[in-house]
Amino acid sequence: MGTGGFAGKGWSDPREWRATVLDMVEEEADPEMERVLHIDINNLKAPLAVKGWSVIDFFLTEHKSKFLKFLDALREGAKQEDALQQAFGWSIDDLEREWRAFVTRAY
């Protein structure tokens, strides 16, 4: 996974993000979920930001109450992996799989 041929995309237009994310998933060119979850905000490049946005869209669309539990665990100081396991019962790999299924179905 990486950014493939998406360097020329119109990242500034949120109306294009769903189609861009779907293209990235179909071409297996999206950033790894591990990078999305652990990137320093100062180093957040467009593909990472747009995938991050789509992960939040997935959480709010499909798992709002679990997402709120996830946020609570983070506020209490849990590491992201631990908060994900507590709230969803998922590993990062599980999140990647579930998110991909959502993008393929919904975008």
Protein backbone atom coordinates (compact mmCIF):
# COMPACT_ATOMS: atom_id res chain seq x y z
CA MET A 1 0.00 0.00 0.00
CA GLY A 2 1.11 3.55 -0.61
CA THR A 3 -0.15 6.51 -2.54
CA GLY A 4 0.16 5.07 -6.03
CA GLY A 5 -0.86 7.41 -8.81
CA PHE A 6 -2.92 9.68 -6.59
CA ALA A 7 -0.46 12.57 -6.37
CA GLY A 8 -2.48 14.64 -8.85
CA LYS A 9 -5.88 14.19 -7.20
CA GLY A 10 -7.95 17.19 -6.11
CA TRP A 11 -7.40 16.58 -2.43
CA SER A 12 -8.75 20.00 -1.47
CA ASP A 13 -12.29 19.17 -2.63
CA PRO A 14 -14.08 16.95 -0.07
CA ARG A 15 -16.73 16.13 -2.66
CA GLU A 16 -14.10 13.97 -4.40
CA TRP A 17 -12.85 12.13 -1.32
CA ARG A 18 -15.23 9.16 -1.40
CA ALA A 19 -14.38 8.36 -5.01
CA THR A 20 -10.67 8.86 -4.30
CA VAL A 21 -10.79 6.56 -1.27
CA LEU A 22 -12.66 3.91 -3.24
CA ASP A 23 -10.08 4.17 -6.04
CA MET A 24 -7.26 3.80 -3.51
CA VAL A 25 -8.91 0.72 -1.97
CA GLU A 26 -9.62 -0.90 -5.32
CA GLU A 27 -6.01 -0.34 -6.42
CA GLU A 28 -4.64 -1.30 -2.98
CA ALA A 29 -2.85 2.05 -2.98
CA ASP A 30 -4.11 3.48 0.31
CA PRO A 31 -1.77 4.14 3.24
CA GLU A 32 -1.56 1.40 5.86
CA MET A 33 -4.00 1.79 8.75
CA GLU A 34 -1.09 1.70 11.20
CA ARG A 35 0.29 4.88 9.57
CA VAL A 36 -3.11 6.56 9.64
CA LEU A 37 -3.55 5.87 13.34
CA HIS A 38 -0.05 6.89 14.40
CA ILE A 39 0.94 9.74 12.10
CA ASP A 40 2.14 13.01 13.61
CA ILE A 41 -0.45 15.64 12.63
CA ASN A 42 2.38 17.83 11.28
CA ASN A 43 3.28 15.10 8.77
CA LEU A 44 -0.25 14.34 7.62
CA LYS A 45 -0.18 14.18 3.81
CA ALA A 46 -3.35 14.20 1.70
CA PRO A 47 -3.79 10.41 1.25
CA LEU A 48 -3.37 9.86 5.00
CA ALA A 49 -5.77 12.69 5.85
CA VAL A 50 -8.43 11.50 3.43
CA LYS A 51 -8.15 7.89 4.62
CA GLY A 52 -8.35 9.17 8.20
CA TRP A 53 -11.49 11.12 7.32
CA SER A 54 -13.01 7.99 5.79
CA VAL A 55 -12.21 5.95 8.92
CA ILE A 56 -14.11 8.49 11.02
CA ASP A 57 -16.95 8.37 8.48
CA PHE A 58 -16.97 4.58 8.86
CA PHE A 59 -17.01 4.78 12.66
CA LEU A 60 -19.84 7.32 12.75
CA THR A 61 -21.90 5.61 10.06
CA GLU A 62 -21.56 2.01 11.24
CA HIS A 63 -20.42 2.06 14.89
CA LYS A 64 -21.22 5.40 16.55
CA SER A 65 -21.67 4.09 20.11
CA LYS A 66 -18.48 2.01 19.91
CA PHE A 67 -16.62 4.99 18.46
CA LEU A 68 -17.66 7.08 21.45
CA LYS A 69 -16.35 4.31 23.75
CA PHE A 70 -13.12 4.35 21.75
CA LEU A 71 -12.79 8.10 22.28
CA ASP A 72 -13.51 7.72 26.00
CA ALA A 73 -10.75 5.12 26.29
CA LEU A 74 -8.32 7.46 24.50
CA ARG A 75 -9.28 10.31 26.85
CA GLU A 76 -8.53 8.02 29.77
CA GLY A 77 -5.03 7.47 28.40
CA ALA A 78 -5.34 4.16 26.57
CA LYS A 79 -3.08 3.54 23.59
CA GLN A 80 -4.95 3.47 20.29
CA GLU A 81 -4.56 -0.29 19.88
CA ASP A 82 -5.88 -0.90 23.39
CA ALA A 83 -8.77 1.53 22.96
CA LEU A 84 -9.68 -0.14 19.66
CA GLN A 85 -9.68 -3.55 21.34
CA GLN A 86 -11.72 -2.29 24.31
CA ALA A 87 -14.38 -0.53 22.27
CA PHE A 88 -14.63 -2.73 19.18
CA GLY A 89 -12.86 -5.98 20.06
CA TRP A 90 -10.64 -5.36 17.02
CA SER A 91 -6.97 -5.25 16.18
CA ILE A 92 -5.66 -2.72 13.66
CA ASP A 93 -5.80 -5.47 11.03
CA ASP A 94 -9.47 -6.06 11.91
CA LEU A 95 -10.16 -2.34 11.55
CA GLU A 96 -8.44 -2.31 8.16
CA ARG A 97 -10.58 -5.24 6.96
CA GLU A 98 -13.86 -3.79 8.29
CA TRP A 99 -13.08 -0.33 6.90
CA ARG A 100 -12.25 -1.76 3.45
CA ALA A 101 -15.54 -3.65 3.38
CA PHE A 102 -17.39 -0.45 4.30
CA VAL A 103 -15.63 1.63 1.62
CA THR A 104 -16.32 -1.00 -1.03
CA ARG A 105 -19.99 -1.18 -0.02
CA ALA A 106 -20.72 2.48 0.74
CA TYR A 107 -18.48 4.55 -1.51
